[in-house]
PDB file of N, CA and C in Angstrom:
ATOM      1  N   UNK A   1      -1.537  86.573 106.812  1.00  0.00           N
ATOM      2  CA  UNK A   1      -0.336  86.075 107.218  1.00  0.00           C
ATOM      3  C   UNK A   1       0.289  87.002 106.894  1.00  0.00           C
ATOM      4  N   UNK A   2       1.830  87.291 107.731  1.00  0.00           N
ATOM      5  CA  UNK A   2       2.721  88.100 107.594  1.00  0.00           C
ATOM      6  C   UNK A   2       3.744  87.285 106.912  1.00  0.00           C
ATOM      7  N   UNK A   3       4.620  88.464 105.150  1.00  0.00           N
ATOM      8  CA  UNK A   3       4.983  87.295 104.210  1.00  0.00           C
ATOM      9  C   UNK A   3       6.319  87.717 104.646  1.00  0.00           C
ATOM     10  N   UNK A   4       7.370  86.888 104.902  1.00  0.00           N
ATOM     11  CA  UNK A   4       8.969  87.045 105.657  1.00  0.00           C
ATOM     12  C   UNK A   4       9.606  87.549 104.969  1.00  0.00           C
ATOM     13  N   UNK A   5      10.679  88.612 105.233  1.00  0.00           N
ATOM     14  CA  UNK A   5      11.083  89.768 104.637  1.00  0.00           C
ATOM     15  C   UNK A   5      12.380  89.050 103.776  1.00  0.00           C
ATOM     16  N   UNK A   6      12.246  89.509 102.290  1.00  0.00           N
ATOM     17  CA  UNK A   6      12.896  89.448 101.259  1.00  0.00           C
ATOM     18  C   UNK A   6      12.356  88.665 100.596  1.00  0.00           C
ATOM     19  N   UNK A   7      10.892  88.757 100.226  1.00  0.00           N
ATOM     20  CA  UNK A   7      10.121  87.516 100.325  1.00  0.00           C
ATOM     21  C   UNK A   7       8.960  88.314  99.268  1.00  0.00           C
ATOM     22  N   UNK A   8       8.690  89.439  99.749  1.00  0.00           N
ATOM     23  CA  UNK A   8       8.197  90.399  99.119  1.00  0.00           C
ATOM     24  C   UNK A   8       8.180  91.063  97.120  1.00  0.00           C
ATOM     25  N   UNK A   9       6.984  90.402  96.898  1.00  0.00           N
ATOM     26  CA  UNK A   9       7.488  90.642  95.296  1.00  0.00           C
ATOM     27  C   UNK A   9       7.901  89.597  94.386  1.00  0.00           C
ATOM     28  N   UNK A  10       8.246  88.139  95.099  1.00  0.00           N
ATOM     29  CA  UNK A  10       8.989  87.155  94.710  1.00  0.00           C
ATOM     30  C   UNK A  10       7.974  85.816  93.556  1.00  0.00           C
ATOM     31  N   UNK A  11       6.114  86.221  94.182  1.00  0.00           N
ATOM     32  CA  UNK A  11       5.696  85.691  92.836  1.00  0.00           C
ATOM     33  C   UNK A  11       4.698  86.535  92.171  1.00  0.00           C
ATOM     34  N   UNK A  12       4.850  86.278  91.175  1.00  0.00           N
ATOM     35  CA  UNK A  12       4.004  86.861  90.441  1.00  0.00           C
ATOM     36  C   UNK A  12       2.266  86.555  90.714  1.00  0.00           C
ATOM     37  N   UNK A  13       1.947  85.308  90.736  1.00  0.00           N
ATOM     38  CA  UNK A  13       0.757  85.491  90.630  1.00  0.00           C
ATOM     39  C   UNK A  13       0.048  84.717  92.311  1.00  0.00           C
ATOM     40  N   UNK A  14      -0.173  85.361  92.519  1.00  0.00           N
ATOM     41  CA  UNK A  14      -0.849  84.340  93.972  1.00  0.00           C
ATOM     42  C   UNK A  14      -1.541  82.577  94.533  1.00  0.00           C
ATOM     43  N   UNK A  15      -0.865  83.144  95.147  1.00  0.00           N
ATOM     44  CA  UNK A  15      -1.114  80.860  95.771  1.00  0.00           C
ATOM     45  C   UNK A  15      -1.968  80.641  96.511  1.00  0.00           C
ATOM     46  N   UNK A  16      -3.258  81.429  95.718  1.00  0.00           N
ATOM     47  CA  UNK A  16      -4.405  81.304  96.393  1.00  0.00           C
ATOM     48  C   UNK A  16      -5.627  80.678  95.316  1.00  0.00           C
ATOM     49  N   UNK A  17      -6.761  80.300  95.091  1.00  0.00           N
ATOM     50  CA  UNK A  17      -7.717  80.542  94.248  1.00  0.00           C
ATOM     51  C   UNK A  17      -6.982  78.876  93.203  1.00  0.00           C
ATOM     52  N   UNK A  18      -7.282  79.353  92.465  1.00  0.00           N
ATOM     53  CA  UNK A  18      -8.508  78.136  91.165  1.00  0.00           C
ATOM     54  C   UNK A  18      -6.954  78.351  90.474  1.00  0.00           C
ATOM     55  N   UNK A  19      -5.841  79.699  89.646  1.00  0.00           N
ATOM     56  CA  UNK A  19      -4.591  79.168  89.009  1.00  0.00           C
ATOM     57  C   UNK A  19      -4.672  78.955  87.609  1.00  0.00           C
ATOM     58  N   UNK A  20      -4.232  77.802  87.283  1.00  0.00           N
ATOM     59  CA  UNK A  20      -3.858  77.894  85.985  1.00  0.00           C
ATOM     60  C   UNK A  20      -5.726  76.510  85.895  1.00  0.00           C
ATOM     61  N   UNK A  21      -5.475  75.871  86.719  1.00  0.00           N
ATOM     62  CA  UNK A  21      -6.765  74.925  86.777  1.00  0.00           C
ATOM     63  C   UNK A  21      -8.147  75.512  85.796  1.00  0.00           C
ATOM     64  N   UNK A  22      -8.216  76.875  86.188  1.00  0.00           N
ATOM     65  CA  UNK A  22      -9.339  77.313  85.907  1.00  0.00           C
ATOM     66  C   UNK A  22      -9.652  77.832  84.379  1.00  0.00           C
ATOM     67  N   UNK A  23      -8.029  77.433  83.883  1.00  0.00           N
ATOM     68  CA  UNK A  23      -8.340  76.743  81.822  1.00  0.00           C
ATOM     69  C   UNK A  23      -9.432  76.039  82.289  1.00  0.00           C
ATOM     70  N   UNK A  24      -9.233  75.112  82.772  1.00  0.00           N
ATOM     71  CA  UNK A  24      -9.984  73.656  82.595  1.00  0.00           C
ATOM     72  C   UNK A  24     -11.317  73.784  82.805  1.00  0.00           C
ATOM     73  N   UNK A  25     -12.474  73.601  81.710  1.00  0.00           N
ATOM     74  CA  UNK A  25     -13.791  74.571  81.653  1.00  0.00           C
ATOM     75  C   UNK A  25     -14.242  72.467  83.135  1.00  0.00           C
ATOM     76  N   UNK A  26     -13.593  71.827  82.577  1.00  0.00           N
ATOM     77  CA  UNK A  26     -14.826  70.441  83.372  1.00  0.00           C
ATOM     78  C   UNK A  26     -13.356  70.491  84.353  1.00  0.00           C
ATOM     79  N   UNK A  27     -13.196  69.829  85.217  1.00  0.00           N
ATOM     80  CA  UNK A  27     -11.577  70.085  85.459  1.00  0.00           C
ATOM     81  C   UNK A  27     -11.997  67.751  85.199  1.00  0.00           C
ATOM     82  N   UNK A  28     -13.117  67.242  86.207  1.00  0.00           N
ATOM     83  CA  UNK A  28     -13.344  66.014  86.273  1.00  0.00           C
ATOM     84  C   UNK A  28     -13.475  65.638  85.027  1.00  0.00           C
ATOM     85  N   UNK A  29     -14.666  65.900  84.473  1.00  0.00           N
ATOM     86  CA  UNK A  29     -14.134  65.374  83.021  1.00  0.00           C
ATOM     87  C   UNK A  29     -13.345  65.723  81.950  1.00  0.00           C
ATOM     88  N   UNK A  30     -12.018  66.390  82.161  1.00  0.00           N
ATOM     89  CA  UNK A  30     -10.817  66.329  81.497  1.00  0.00           C
ATOM     90  C   UNK A  30     -10.051  65.344  82.090  1.00  0.00           C
ATOM     91  N   UNK A  31      -9.712  65.187  83.357  1.00  0.00           N
ATOM     92  CA  UNK A  31      -8.960  63.842  83.618  1.00  0.00           C
ATOM     93  C   UNK A  31      -9.656  62.626  83.161  1.00  0.00           C
ATOM     94  N   UNK A  32     -10.987  62.591  83.904  1.00  0.00           N
ATOM     95  CA  UNK A  32     -11.558  60.924  83.408  1.00  0.00           C
ATOM     96  C   UNK A  32     -11.474  60.688  81.960  1.00  0.00           C
ATOM     97  N   UNK A  33     -11.265  61.537  81.258  1.00  0.00           N
ATOM     98  CA  UNK A  33     -11.032  61.176  80.052  1.00  0.00           C
ATOM     99  C   UNK A  33      -9.843  60.829  79.443  1.00  0.00           C
ATOM    100  N   UNK A  34      -9.210  61.659  80.127  1.00  0.00           N
ATOM    101  CA  UNK A  34      -7.761  61.258  80.022  1.00  0.00           C
ATOM    102  C   UNK A  34      -6.991  59.299  80.639  1.00  0.00           C
ATOM    103  N   UNK A  35      -7.851  59.336  81.816  1.00  0.00           N
ATOM    104  CA  UNK A  35      -7.909  57.756  82.380  1.00  0.00           C
ATOM    105  C   UNK A  35      -8.202  56.697  81.378  1.00  0.00           C
ATOM    106  N   UNK A  36      -9.599  57.099  81.289  1.00  0.00           N
ATOM    107  CA  UNK A  36      -9.978  55.803  79.959  1.00  0.00           C
ATOM    108  C   UNK A  36      -9.947  55.819  78.793  1.00  0.00           C
ATOM    109  N   UNK A  37      -8.865  56.835  78.021  1.00  0.00           N
ATOM    110  CA  UNK A  37      -7.811  57.022  77.258  1.00  0.00           C
ATOM    111  C   UNK A  37      -6.863  56.086  77.419  1.00  0.00           C
ATOM    112  N   UNK A  38      -5.783  56.384  79.331  1.00  0.00           N
ATOM    113  CA  UNK A  38      -4.874  56.008  78.801  1.00  0.00           C
ATOM    114  C   UNK A  38      -5.115  54.889  78.999  1.00  0.00           C
ATOM    115  N   UNK A  39      -5.825  54.078  79.964  1.00  0.00           N
ATOM    116  CA  UNK A  39      -6.441  52.464  80.568  1.00  0.00           C
ATOM    117  C   UNK A  39      -6.304  51.474  79.432  1.00  0.00           C
ATOM    118  N   UNK A  40      -7.114  52.743  77.954  1.00  0.00           N
ATOM    119  CA  UNK A  40      -8.239  51.689  76.800  1.00  0.00           C
ATOM    120  C   UNK A  40      -6.415  51.583  75.654  1.00  0.00           C
ATOM    121  N   UNK A  41      -5.604  52.290  75.878  1.00  0.00           N
ATOM    122  CA  UNK A  41      -4.227  52.438  75.650  1.00  0.00           C
ATOM    123  C   UNK A  41      -3.656  51.210  75.799  1.00  0.00           C
ATOM    124  N   UNK A  42      -3.768  51.021  77.249  1.00  0.00           N
ATOM    125  CA  UNK A  42      -3.576  49.562  77.991  1.00  0.00           C
ATOM    126  C   UNK A  42      -4.242  48.663  78.089  1.00  0.00           C
ATOM    127  N   UNK A  43      -4.692  48.415  77.385  1.00  0.00           N
ATOM    128  CA  UNK A  43      -5.592  47.846  77.614  1.00  0.00           C
ATOM    129  C   UNK A  43      -6.299  47.232  78.534  1.00  0.00           C
ATOM    130  N   UNK A  44      -6.323  47.317  79.465  1.00  0.00           N
ATOM    131  CA  UNK A  44      -7.270  47.297  81.374  1.00  0.00           C
ATOM    132  C   UNK A  44      -8.190  48.160  80.982  1.00  0.00           C
ATOM    133  N   UNK A  45      -8.878  46.721  81.784  1.00  0.00           N
ATOM    134  CA  UNK A  45     -10.473  47.269  82.080  1.00  0.00           C
ATOM    135  C   UNK A  45     -11.265  48.814  83.077  1.00  0.00           C
ATOM    136  N   UNK A  46     -11.569  49.065  82.445  1.00  0.00           N
ATOM    137  CA  UNK A  46     -11.944  49.674  83.976  1.00  0.00           C
ATOM    138  C   UNK A  46     -12.461  50.326  84.319  1.00  0.00           C
ATOM    139  N   UNK A  47     -13.233  49.335  85.388  1.00  0.00           N
ATOM    140  CA  UNK A  47     -13.403  49.504  86.506  1.00  0.00           C
ATOM    141  C   UNK A  47     -14.149  50.520  86.949  1.00  0.00           C
ATOM    142  N   UNK A  48     -14.985  50.306  87.256  1.00  0.00           N
ATOM    143  CA  UNK A  48     -15.317  51.492  88.025  1.00  0.00           C
ATOM    144  C   UNK A  48     -14.330  52.478  89.349  1.00  0.00           C
ATOM    145  N   UNK A  49     -14.259  51.786  90.539  1.00  0.00           N
ATOM    146  CA  UNK A  49     -13.206  51.989  91.567  1.00  0.00           C
ATOM    147  C   UNK A  49     -11.952  52.146  91.241  1.00  0.00           C
ATOM    148  N   UNK A  50     -11.265  52.236  90.069  1.00  0.00           N
ATOM    149  CA  UNK A  50      -9.945  52.108  89.565  1.00  0.00           C
ATOM    150  C   UNK A  50      -9.942  53.564  88.878  1.00  0.00           C
ATOM    151  N   UNK A  51     -11.545  53.684  87.705  1.00  0.00           N
ATOM    152  CA  UNK A  51     -11.411  55.032  87.171  1.00  0.00           C
ATOM    153  C   UNK A  51     -11.334  55.451  88.042  1.00  0.00           C
ATOM    154  N   UNK A  52     -12.252  55.752  89.129  1.00  0.00           N
ATOM    155  CA  UNK A  52     -12.496  57.008  90.297  1.00  0.00           C
ATOM    156  C   UNK A  52     -11.064  56.889  90.991  1.00  0.00           C
ATOM    157  N   UNK A  53     -10.812  55.952  90.979  1.00  0.00           N
ATOM    158  CA  UNK A  53      -9.644  56.490  92.145  1.00  0.00           C
ATOM    159  C   UNK A  53      -8.108  57.517  90.861  1.00  0.00           C
ATOM    160  N   UNK A  54      -8.219  56.807  89.910  1.00  0.00           N
ATOM    161  CA  UNK A  54      -7.696  57.295  89.001  1.00  0.00           C
ATOM    162  C   UNK A  54      -7.353  59.209  88.828  1.00  0.00           C
ATOM    163  N   UNK A  55      -8.571  59.371  89.121  1.00  0.00           N
ATOM    164  CA  UNK A  55     -10.086  60.375  88.486  1.00  0.00           C
ATOM    165  C   UNK A  55      -9.327  61.475  89.403  1.00  0.00           C
ATOM    166  N   UNK A  56      -9.898  61.066  91.418  1.00  0.00           N
ATOM    167  CA  UNK A  56      -8.673  61.485  92.347  1.00  0.00           C
ATOM    168  C   UNK A  56      -7.455  62.384  92.483  1.00  0.00           C
ATOM    169  N   UNK A  57      -7.054  60.899  91.741  1.00  0.00           N
ATOM    170  CA  UNK A  57      -5.556  61.249  91.709  1.00  0.00           C
ATOM    171  C   UNK A  57      -5.387  62.116  90.580  1.00  0.00           C
ATOM    172  N   UNK A  58      -5.646  61.832  89.063  1.00  0.00           N
ATOM    173  CA  UNK A  58      -5.245  63.230  88.614  1.00  0.00           C
ATOM    174  C   UNK A  58      -5.673  64.810  88.997  1.00  0.00           C
ATOM    175  N   UNK A  59      -6.918  64.322  89.302  1.00  0.00           N
ATOM    176  CA  UNK A  59      -7.390  65.851  90.030  1.00  0.00           C
ATOM    177  C   UNK A  59      -6.532  66.993  91.087  1.00  0.00           C
ATOM    178  N   UNK A  60      -5.459  65.992  91.911  1.00  0.00           N
ATOM    179  CA  UNK A  60      -4.822  65.791  92.969  1.00  0.00           C
ATOM    180  C   UNK A  60      -4.416  66.226  91.865  1.00  0.00           C
ATOM    181  N   UNK A  61      -3.205  66.405  91.996  1.00  0.00           N
ATOM    182  CA  UNK A  61      -1.945  66.778  90.488  1.00  0.00           C
ATOM    183  C   UNK A  61      -2.108  67.617  89.931  1.00  0.00           C
ATOM    184  N   UNK A  62      -3.229  67.816  89.198  1.00  0.00           N
ATOM    185  CA  UNK A  62      -3.523  68.979  88.737  1.00  0.00           C
ATOM    186  C   UNK A  62      -3.600  70.125  89.812  1.00  0.00           C
ATOM    187  N   UNK A  63      -4.416  69.726  90.896  1.00  0.00           N
ATOM    188  CA  UNK A  63      -4.723  70.865  91.902  1.00  0.00           C
ATOM    189  C   UNK A  63      -3.071  71.852  92.471  1.00  0.00           C
ATOM    190  N   UNK A  64      -2.520  70.786  92.969  1.00  0.00           N
ATOM    191  CA  UNK A  64      -1.242  70.361  92.763  1.00  0.00           C
ATOM    192  C   UNK A  64      -0.089  71.487  91.987  1.00  0.00           C
ATOM    193  N   UNK A  65      -0.022  71.682  91.057  1.00  0.00           N
ATOM    194  CA  UNK A  65       0.412  72.515  90.378  1.00  0.00           C
ATOM    195  C   UNK A  65      -0.302  73.277  89.539  1.00  0.00           C
ATOM    196  N   UNK A  66      -0.975  73.905  90.129  1.00  0.00           N
ATOM    197  CA  UNK A  66      -2.166  75.249  89.830  1.00  0.00           C
ATOM    198  C   UNK A  66      -1.296  76.586  89.657  1.00  0.00           C
ATOM    199  N   UNK A  67      -0.409  77.003  89.990  1.00  0.00           N
ATOM    200  CA  UNK A  67       0.264  77.511  90.259  1.00  0.00           C
ATOM    201  C   UNK A  67       1.575  77.825  89.570  1.00  0.00           C
ATOM    202  N   UNK A  68       2.092  76.812  89.711  1.00  0.00           N
ATOM    203  CA  UNK A  68       3.443  76.343  88.557  1.00  0.00           C
ATOM    204  C   UNK A  68       3.375  77.693  87.447  1.00  0.00           C
ATOM    205  N   UNK A  69       4.936  78.601  87.940  1.00  0.00           N
ATOM    206  CA  UNK A  69       5.274  79.558  87.285  1.00  0.00           C
ATOM    207  C   UNK A  69       5.312  79.591  85.934  1.00  0.00           C
ATOM    208  N   UNK A  70       6.765  78.478  85.793  1.00  0.00           N
ATOM    209  CA  UNK A  70       6.494  77.819  84.454  1.00  0.00           C
ATOM    210  C   UNK A  70       5.588  77.121  83.430  1.00  0.00           C
ATOM    211  N   UNK A  71       4.647  77.107  83.753  1.00  0.00           N
ATOM    212  CA  UNK A  71       3.780  75.988  82.700  1.00  0.00           C
ATOM    213  C   UNK A  71       3.014  77.504  81.656  1.00  0.00           C
ATOM    214  N   UNK A  72       3.338  77.106  80.507  1.00  0.00           N
ATOM    215  CA  UNK A  72       2.274  78.371  80.021  1.00  0.00           C
ATOM    216  C   UNK A  72       1.013  77.690  79.002  1.00  0.00           C
ATOM    217  N   UNK A  73       0.865  76.323  79.058  1.00  0.00           N
ATOM    218  CA  UNK A  73      -0.279  76.576  78.959  1.00  0.00           C
ATOM    219  C   UNK A  73      -1.156  75.043  79.273  1.00  0.00           C
ATOM    220  N   UNK A  74      -1.989  74.964  80.840  1.00  0.00           N
ATOM    221  CA  UNK A  74      -2.446  74.305  81.593  1.00  0.00           C
ATOM    222  C   UNK A  74      -2.938  73.316  80.571  1.00  0.00           C
ATOM    223  N   UNK A  75      -3.325  73.258  80.008  1.00  0.00           N
ATOM    224  CA  UNK A  75      -4.103  71.888  79.592  1.00  0.00           C
ATOM    225  C   UNK A  75      -3.133  71.339  78.741  1.00  0.00           C
ATOM    226  N   UNK A  76      -2.400  71.405  78.024  1.00  0.00           N
ATOM    227  CA  UNK A  76      -1.451  70.608  77.529  1.00  0.00           C
ATOM    228  C   UNK A  76      -0.669  69.624  78.353  1.00  0.00           C
ATOM    229  N   UNK A  77      -0.207  71.074  79.651  1.00  0.00           N
ATOM    230  CA  UNK A  77       0.926  70.472  80.785  1.00  0.00           C
ATOM    231  C   UNK A  77      -0.138  69.534  81.078  1.00  0.00           C
ATOM    232  N   UNK A  78      -1.037  69.808  81.818  1.00  0.00           N
ATOM    233  CA  UNK A  78      -2.158  68.780  82.651  1.00  0.00           C
ATOM    234  C   UNK A  78      -1.892  67.334  81.826  1.00  0.00           C
ATOM    235  N   UNK A  79      -2.086  67.131  80.560  1.00  0.00           N
ATOM    236  CA  UNK A  79      -2.565  66.328  79.628  1.00  0.00           C
ATOM    237  C   UNK A  79      -1.318  65.067  79.433  1.00  0.00           C
ATOM    238  N   UNK A  80       0.151  65.930  79.434  1.00  0.00           N
ATOM    239  CA  UNK A  80       1.013  65.158  79.520  1.00  0.00           C
ATOM    240  C   UNK A  80       1.149  65.036  81.065  1.00  0.00           C
ATOM    241  N   UNK A  81       0.923  65.144  81.757  1.00  0.00           N
ATOM    242  CA  UNK A  81       1.563  65.389  83.220  1.00  0.00           C
ATOM    243  C   UNK A  81       0.634  63.752  83.973  1.00  0.00           C
ATOM    244  N   UNK A  82      -1.375  63.792  83.291  1.00  0.00           N
ATOM    245  CA  UNK A  82      -1.666  62.573  83.717  1.00  0.00           C
ATOM    246  C   UNK A  82      -1.190  61.447  82.819  1.00  0.00           C
ATOM    247  N   UNK A  83      -1.702  61.514  81.422  1.00  0.00           N
ATOM    248  CA  UNK A  83      -0.915  60.645  80.585  1.00  0.00           C
ATOM    249  C   UNK A  83       0.207  59.760  81.504  1.00  0.00           C
ATOM    250  N   UNK A  84       1.222  60.601  81.872  1.00  0.00           N
ATOM    251  CA  UNK A  84       2.693  59.488  82.370  1.00  0.00           C
ATOM    252  C   UNK A  84       2.019  59.109  83.946  1.00  0.00           C
ATOM    253  N   UNK A  85       1.135  59.376  84.396  1.00  0.00           N
ATOM    254  CA  UNK A  85       0.650  59.456  86.247  1.00  0.00           C
ATOM    255  C   UNK A  85       0.279  57.987  86.240  1.00  0.00           C
ATOM    256  N   UNK A  86      -0.683  57.919  84.928  1.00  0.00           N
ATOM    257  CA  UNK A  86      -1.498  56.835  84.768  1.00  0.00           C
ATOM    258  C   UNK A  86      -0.542  55.674  83.544  1.00  0.00           C
ATOM    259  N   UNK A  87       0.170  56.301  83.067  1.00  0.00           N
ATOM    260  CA  UNK A  87       1.598  54.807  82.269  1.00  0.00           C
ATOM    261  C   UNK A  87       1.667  54.378  83.883  1.00  0.00           C
ATOM    262  N   UNK A  88       2.468  55.528  84.737  1.00  0.00           N
ATOM    263  CA  UNK A  88       2.572  54.077  85.724  1.00  0.00           C
ATOM    264  C   UNK A  88       2.059  53.565  86.304  1.00  0.00           C
ATOM    265  N   UNK A  89       1.601  54.252  86.747  1.00  0.00           N
ATOM    266  CA  UNK A  89       0.044  53.105  87.402  1.00  0.00           C
ATOM    267  C   UNK A  89      -0.467  51.680  86.490  1.00  0.00           C
ATOM    268  N   UNK A  90      -0.509  52.116  84.982  1.00  0.00           N
ATOM    269  CA  UNK A  90      -0.531  50.760  84.685  1.00  0.00           C
ATOM    270  C   UNK A  90       0.644  50.197  84.587  1.00  0.00           C
ATOM    271  N   UNK A  91       1.346  50.252  84.025  1.00  0.00           N
ATOM    272  CA  UNK A  91       3.113  49.761  84.447  1.00  0.00           C
ATOM    273  C   UNK A  91       2.669  48.898  85.414  1.00  0.00           C
ATOM    274  N   UNK A  92       2.328  49.805  87.220  1.00  0.00           N
ATOM    275  CA  UNK A  92       1.951  49.147  88.353  1.00  0.00           C
ATOM    276  C   UNK A  92       1.376  47.794  87.840  1.00  0.00           C
ATOM    277  N   UNK A  93       0.241  47.902  87.043  1.00  0.00           N
ATOM    278  CA  UNK A  93      -0.949  46.727  87.819  1.00  0.00           C
ATOM    279  C   UNK A  93      -0.260  45.708  86.690  1.00  0.00           C
ATOM    280  N   UNK A  94       0.083  46.282  85.389  1.00  0.00           N
ATOM    281  CA  UNK A  94       0.775  44.953  84.671  1.00  0.00           C
ATOM    282  C   UNK A  94       1.974  44.084  85.291  1.00  0.00           C
ATOM    283  N   UNK A  95       2.920  45.098  86.410  1.00  0.00           N
ATOM    284  CA  UNK A  95       3.795  44.017  87.133  1.00  0.00           C
ATOM    285  C   UNK A  95       3.169  43.388  88.203  1.00  0.00           C
ATOM    286  N   UNK A  96       2.186  44.336  89.301  1.00  0.00           N
ATOM    287  CA  UNK A  96       1.369  43.139  89.646  1.00  0.00           C
ATOM    288  C   UNK A  96       0.371  41.480  89.490  1.00  0.00           C
ATOM    289  N   UNK A  97       0.456  41.428  87.873  1.00  0.00           N
ATOM    290  CA  UNK A  97      -1.335  40.777  87.450  1.00  0.00           C
ATOM    291  C   UNK A  97       0.308  39.575  87.098  1.00  0.00           C
ATOM    292  N   UNK A  98       2.281  39.796  86.723  1.00  0.00           N
ATOM    293  CA  UNK A  98       2.586  38.825  86.430  1.00  0.00           C
ATOM    294  C   UNK A  98       2.871  38.370  86.960  1.00  0.00           C
ATOM    295  N   UNK A  99       3.516  39.496  88.518  1.00  0.00           N
ATOM    296  CA  UNK A  99       3.406  38.286  89.960  1.00  0.00           C
ATOM    297  C   UNK A  99       2.311  36.963  89.822  1.00  0.00           C
ATOM    298  N   UNK A 100       1.057  37.866  89.678  1.00  0.00           N
ATOM    299  CA  UNK A 100       0.938  36.782  90.923  1.00  0.00           C
ATOM    300  C   UNK A 100       0.173  35.539  89.665  1.00  0.00           C
ATOM    301  N   UNK A 101       0.081  35.542  88.118  1.00  0.00           N
ATOM    302  CA  UNK A 101      -0.222  35.023  87.444  1.00  0.00           C
ATOM    303  C   UNK A 101       0.103  33.108  87.832  1.00  0.00           C
ATOM    304  N   UNK A 102       1.256  32.884  88.056  1.00  0.00           N
ATOM    305  CA  UNK A 102       1.965  31.921  88.491  1.00  0.00           C
ATOM    306  C   UNK A 102       0.819  31.394  89.544  1.00  0.00           C
ATOM    307  N   UNK A 103       0.612  31.997  90.758  1.00  0.00           N
ATOM    308  CA  UNK A 103       0.719  31.929  91.639  1.00  0.00           C
ATOM    309  C   UNK A 103      -1.550  30.885  91.705  1.00  0.00           C
ATOM    310  N   UNK A 104      -1.709  31.955  90.717  1.00  0.00           N
ATOM    311  CA  UNK A 104      -3.410  31.584  89.619  1.00  0.00           C
ATOM    312  C   UNK A 104      -3.199  30.311  88.694  1.00  0.00           C
ATOM    313  N   UNK A 105      -2.191  30.139  88.268  1.00  0.00           N
ATOM    314  CA  UNK A 105      -1.937  29.260  87.219  1.00  0.00           C
ATOM    315  C   UNK A 105      -2.088  27.640  88.384  1.00  0.00           C
ATOM    316  N   UNK A 106      -1.144  28.102  89.727  1.00  0.00           N
ATOM    317  CA  UNK A 106      -0.775  26.941  90.243  1.00  0.00           C
ATOM    318  C   UNK A 106      -2.334  26.669  90.734  1.00  0.00           C
ATOM    319  N   UNK A 107      -3.482  26.969  90.920  1.00  0.00           N
ATOM    320  CA  UNK A 107      -4.732  26.570  91.551  1.00  0.00           C
ATOM    321  C   UNK A 107      -4.170  26.591  93.235  1.00  0.00           C
ATOM    322  N   UNK A 108      -5.809  25.885  93.166  1.00  0.00           N
ATOM    323  CA  UNK A 108      -5.669  25.054  94.724  1.00  0.00           C
ATOM    324  C   UNK A 108      -5.286  24.233  95.575  1.00  0.00           C
ATOM    325  N   UNK A 109      -4.212  24.470  96.201  1.00  0.00           N
ATOM    326  CA  UNK A 109      -3.297  23.091  96.697  1.00  0.00           C
ATOM    327  C   UNK A 109      -4.680  21.760  97.587  1.00  0.00           C
TER     328      UNK A 109
END
């Protein structure tokens, strides 16, 4: 694929391959551990579907950032990013549960 003029040498690292993702020995286990740890901190039951969904979201987020030139320590960056990503999901779950509580308390009509 031809490189547009004026762009040669703009990137130090190639944008293909594993990049910083390669620093993780077992990426899925790394992400899953942060998913489980964060869910426990929020006291949210780790259903298999929830853990699988959050693990996939986390792996995708890590993969998308694997060539970020500003990151010096990928595992530390990934850990902070995952905590933020999963925390946002936990906050959303709690808001949804609070919204549903009045409906559950009302019971069947």
